[in-house]
Amino acid sequence: QVQLVESGGGLVQAGGSLRLSCAASGFTFSTYDMAWHRQAPGKERELVATITSGGVTTIFVDSVKGRFIISRDNAKNTLYLQMNSLKPEDTAIYYCGRLWPASWGQGTQVTISS
């Protein structure tokens, strides 16, 4: 059974940093491409970043380029999202996911105060 459990969200002031983690189980984590999505209040869910099984990363949201870093530790079956220089518009629920077959965690709330 695939399980993805996010952690690390919270309330921080603008300009601060957070590191989100996603603990994966129930599948061979190292062989799958993974991603982070986010959904802001009143908006559709958007793809933030992906990382292939080989470690190639792509950031899809222009506003987070240079601030967010996606990474993975295959030995720990864990996906990360390092978020720096946070802005109020980064406020959202962040979801970790396996790209295909698709599977998503429950999400972790990130709130940035101005």
Protein backbone atom coordinates (compact mmCIF):
# COMPACT_ATOMS: atom_id res chain seq x y z
CA GLN A 1 0.00 0.00 0.00
CA VAL A 2 1.44 3.30 -1.11
CA GLN A 3 1.79 5.86 1.65
CA LEU A 4 3.09 9.40 1.37
CA VAL A 5 3.21 11.47 4.53
CA GLU A 6 4.17 15.13 4.38
CA SER A 7 5.58 17.10 7.29
CA GLY A 8 7.39 20.34 7.96
CA GLY A 9 4.68 22.86 7.19
CA GLY A 10 3.77 25.69 9.51
CA LEU A 11 3.46 29.42 9.96
CA VAL A 12 6.48 31.57 9.18
CA GLN A 13 7.11 35.21 8.44
CA ALA A 14 7.86 36.44 4.97
CA GLY A 15 11.51 36.00 4.15
CA GLY A 16 11.80 32.86 6.23
CA SER A 17 12.48 29.27 5.21
CA LEU A 18 10.86 25.91 5.59
CA ARG A 19 11.86 22.42 4.57
CA LEU A 20 9.06 20.06 3.74
CA SER A 21 9.60 16.32 3.97
CA CYS A 22 7.63 13.45 2.51
CA ALA A 23 8.12 9.96 3.88
CA ALA A 24 7.30 7.33 1.29
CA SER A 25 6.47 3.68 1.85
CA GLY A 26 4.77 0.78 0.13
CA PHE A 27 6.73 1.05 -3.11
CA THR A 28 10.31 1.18 -4.36
CA PHE A 29 10.81 4.91 -3.89
CA SER A 30 14.14 5.13 -5.68
CA THR A 31 12.68 3.98 -8.99
CA TYR A 32 9.89 6.55 -9.29
CA ASP A 33 9.70 10.14 -10.38
CA MET A 34 8.27 12.35 -7.64
CA ALA A 35 6.73 15.79 -7.35
CA TRP A 36 5.44 18.56 -5.14
CA HIS A 37 2.14 20.26 -5.89
CA ARG A 38 0.46 23.07 -4.02
CA GLN A 39 -3.03 24.47 -3.75
CA ALA A 40 -3.59 28.01 -2.57
CA PRO A 41 -6.93 29.15 -1.15
CA GLY A 42 -9.45 29.61 -3.94
CA LYS A 43 -7.05 28.41 -6.61
CA GLU A 44 -6.47 25.21 -8.54
CA ARG A 45 -3.73 22.82 -7.57
CA GLU A 46 -0.48 23.54 -9.42
CA LEU A 47 2.62 21.50 -10.06
CA VAL A 48 5.56 23.11 -8.30
CA ALA A 49 8.51 20.81 -8.97
CA THR A 50 9.46 17.32 -10.08
CA ILE A 51 12.47 15.11 -9.59
CA THR A 52 13.19 12.02 -11.63
CA SER A 53 14.39 8.73 -10.22
CA GLY A 54 17.83 9.77 -11.44
CA GLY A 55 17.74 13.08 -9.62
CA VAL A 56 16.98 15.47 -12.48
CA THR A 57 14.90 18.36 -11.17
CA THR A 58 12.47 20.74 -12.81
CA ILE A 59 10.73 23.76 -11.30
CA PHE A 60 7.43 24.61 -13.00
CA VAL A 61 6.37 27.75 -11.16
CA ASP A 62 8.34 30.79 -12.28
CA SER A 63 7.78 32.65 -9.02
CA VAL A 64 9.62 30.01 -6.98
CA LYS A 65 12.61 29.54 -9.26
CA GLY A 66 15.75 30.37 -7.35
CA ARG A 67 13.94 30.00 -4.03
CA PHE A 68 12.66 26.40 -3.92
CA ILE A 69 14.77 23.26 -4.23
CA ILE A 70 13.39 19.76 -4.66
CA SER A 71 15.58 16.86 -3.61
CA ARG A 72 15.38 13.26 -2.53
CA ASP A 73 17.19 10.83 -0.26
CA ASN A 74 16.61 7.37 -1.65
CA ALA A 75 18.30 5.72 1.33
CA LYS A 76 15.68 7.31 3.57
CA ASN A 77 12.75 6.99 1.13
CA THR A 78 12.18 10.70 1.60
CA LEU A 79 11.38 13.59 -0.71
CA TYR A 80 12.16 17.18 0.27
CA LEU A 81 11.21 20.68 -0.71
CA GLN A 82 13.49 23.41 0.61
CA MET A 83 11.68 26.73 0.47
CA ASN A 84 13.62 29.94 0.99
CA SER A 85 12.75 33.63 0.93
CA LEU A 86 9.13 32.73 1.45
CA LYS A 87 6.40 35.13 0.38
CA PRO A 88 2.75 35.44 1.42
CA GLU A 89 1.75 34.16 -2.04
CA ASP A 90 3.47 30.87 -1.22
CA THR A 91 0.70 30.19 1.29
CA ALA A 92 -0.91 26.89 0.27
CA ILE A 93 -1.35 23.27 1.10
CA TYR A 94 1.67 21.42 -0.26
CA TYR A 95 1.26 17.86 -1.51
CA CYS A 96 3.90 15.28 -2.18
CA GLY A 97 3.22 12.81 -4.93
CA ARG A 98 4.41 9.96 -7.03
CA LEU A 99 3.95 10.96 -10.65
CA TRP A 100 2.94 7.64 -12.22
CA PRO A 101 1.00 5.73 -11.17
CA ALA A 102 -0.24 8.84 -9.45
CA SER A 103 -0.50 8.82 -5.70
CA TRP A 104 -0.64 11.77 -3.33
CA GLY A 105 -0.25 12.49 0.33
CA GLN A 106 -2.70 14.37 2.52
CA GLY A 107 -0.76 17.60 2.33
CA THR A 108 0.85 19.97 4.79
CA GLN A 109 -0.26 23.55 5.35
CA VAL A 110 2.24 26.33 4.74
CA THR A 111 1.23 29.82 5.82
CA ILE A 112 3.41 32.85 5.25
CA SER A 113 2.62 36.03 7.15
CA SER A 114 3.53 39.45 5.82
